[in-house]
Amino acid sequence: MSNQRAGKTHRAAASDGLGEMKLRNFFRTCARVVEEESDAQFYFEQLVDHINNGGNISTDDPVAIRRILGV
């Protein structure tokens, strides 16, 4: 028998990309709902493409945001 205490355990963070997938699906639905050939549709599609290509949209950098939106 050991004199060592049991180690503290905790659940691992859920970093499986599920939140990003839900956000991508939301943007995809937004692109379908807004009027056809509008600027809003273009920007939503840009966001979906960026996320599909493995990009991250959590940034405050205006240059990065312009690049993501294709402005």
Protein backbone atom coordinates (compact mmCIF):
# COMPACT_ATOMS: atom_id res chain seq x y z
CA MET A 1 0.00 0.00 0.00
CA SER A 2 1.25 3.46 -0.92
CA ASN A 3 1.46 6.50 1.30
CA GLN A 4 0.84 8.78 -1.65
CA ARG A 5 -2.39 10.79 -1.88
CA ALA A 6 -4.64 10.49 -4.87
CA GLY A 7 -3.95 13.22 -7.42
CA LYS A 8 -6.43 15.97 -8.14
CA THR A 9 -8.30 15.46 -11.38
CA HIS A 10 -10.36 17.78 -13.55
CA ARG A 11 -12.22 17.50 -16.81
CA ALA A 12 -10.36 18.51 -19.92
CA ALA A 13 -11.50 21.62 -21.75
CA ALA A 14 -13.88 21.01 -24.62
CA SER A 15 -11.72 22.32 -27.45
CA ASP A 16 -13.11 20.02 -30.10
CA GLY A 17 -14.21 22.87 -32.38
CA LEU A 18 -17.91 22.30 -31.69
CA GLY A 19 -18.46 26.00 -30.98
CA GLU A 20 -16.77 26.97 -34.24
CA MET A 21 -18.86 24.46 -36.14
CA LYS A 22 -22.08 25.90 -34.70
CA LEU A 23 -20.91 29.41 -35.53
CA ARG A 24 -20.04 28.36 -39.08
CA ASN A 25 -23.46 26.78 -39.50
CA PHE A 26 -25.07 29.98 -38.18
CA PHE A 27 -23.17 32.11 -40.72
CA ARG A 28 -24.06 29.67 -43.50
CA THR A 29 -27.75 29.94 -42.59
CA CYS A 30 -27.46 33.73 -42.46
CA ALA A 31 -26.04 33.74 -45.98
CA ARG A 32 -29.06 31.74 -47.17
CA VAL A 33 -31.61 33.93 -45.35
CA VAL A 34 -30.48 37.40 -46.46
CA GLU A 35 -31.47 38.63 -49.89
CA GLU A 36 -29.70 37.15 -52.88
CA GLU A 37 -26.56 38.89 -54.21
CA SER A 38 -26.45 41.34 -51.28
CA ASP A 39 -23.35 42.58 -49.51
CA ALA A 40 -24.45 40.82 -46.33
CA GLN A 41 -24.62 37.49 -48.13
CA PHE A 42 -21.10 38.00 -49.50
CA TYR A 43 -19.68 38.77 -46.04
CA PHE A 44 -21.39 35.79 -44.40
CA GLU A 45 -20.01 33.52 -47.12
CA GLN A 46 -16.53 34.98 -46.57
CA LEU A 47 -16.78 34.11 -42.87
CA VAL A 48 -17.93 30.55 -43.65
CA ASP A 49 -15.05 30.06 -46.09
CA HIS A 50 -12.54 31.43 -43.58
CA ILE A 51 -13.74 29.06 -40.84
CA ASN A 52 -13.84 26.10 -43.27
CA ASN A 53 -10.21 26.79 -44.17
CA GLY A 54 -9.22 26.52 -40.51
CA GLY A 55 -9.15 30.25 -39.81
CA ASN A 56 -9.91 31.81 -36.46
CA ILE A 57 -12.34 34.74 -36.24
CA SER A 58 -11.65 35.73 -32.63
CA THR A 59 -9.60 38.85 -33.28
CA ASP A 60 -9.87 42.57 -32.60
CA ASP A 61 -7.34 43.50 -35.27
CA PRO A 62 -9.12 45.66 -37.91
CA VAL A 63 -6.65 44.61 -40.63
CA ALA A 64 -7.29 40.91 -39.98
CA ILE A 65 -11.05 41.50 -39.95
CA ARG A 66 -10.90 43.33 -43.30
CA ARG A 67 -8.86 40.47 -44.74
CA ILE A 68 -11.37 37.87 -43.49
CA LEU A 69 -14.31 39.82 -44.95
CA GLY A 70 -12.54 40.50 -48.24
CA VAL A 71 -12.82 44.28 -47.88
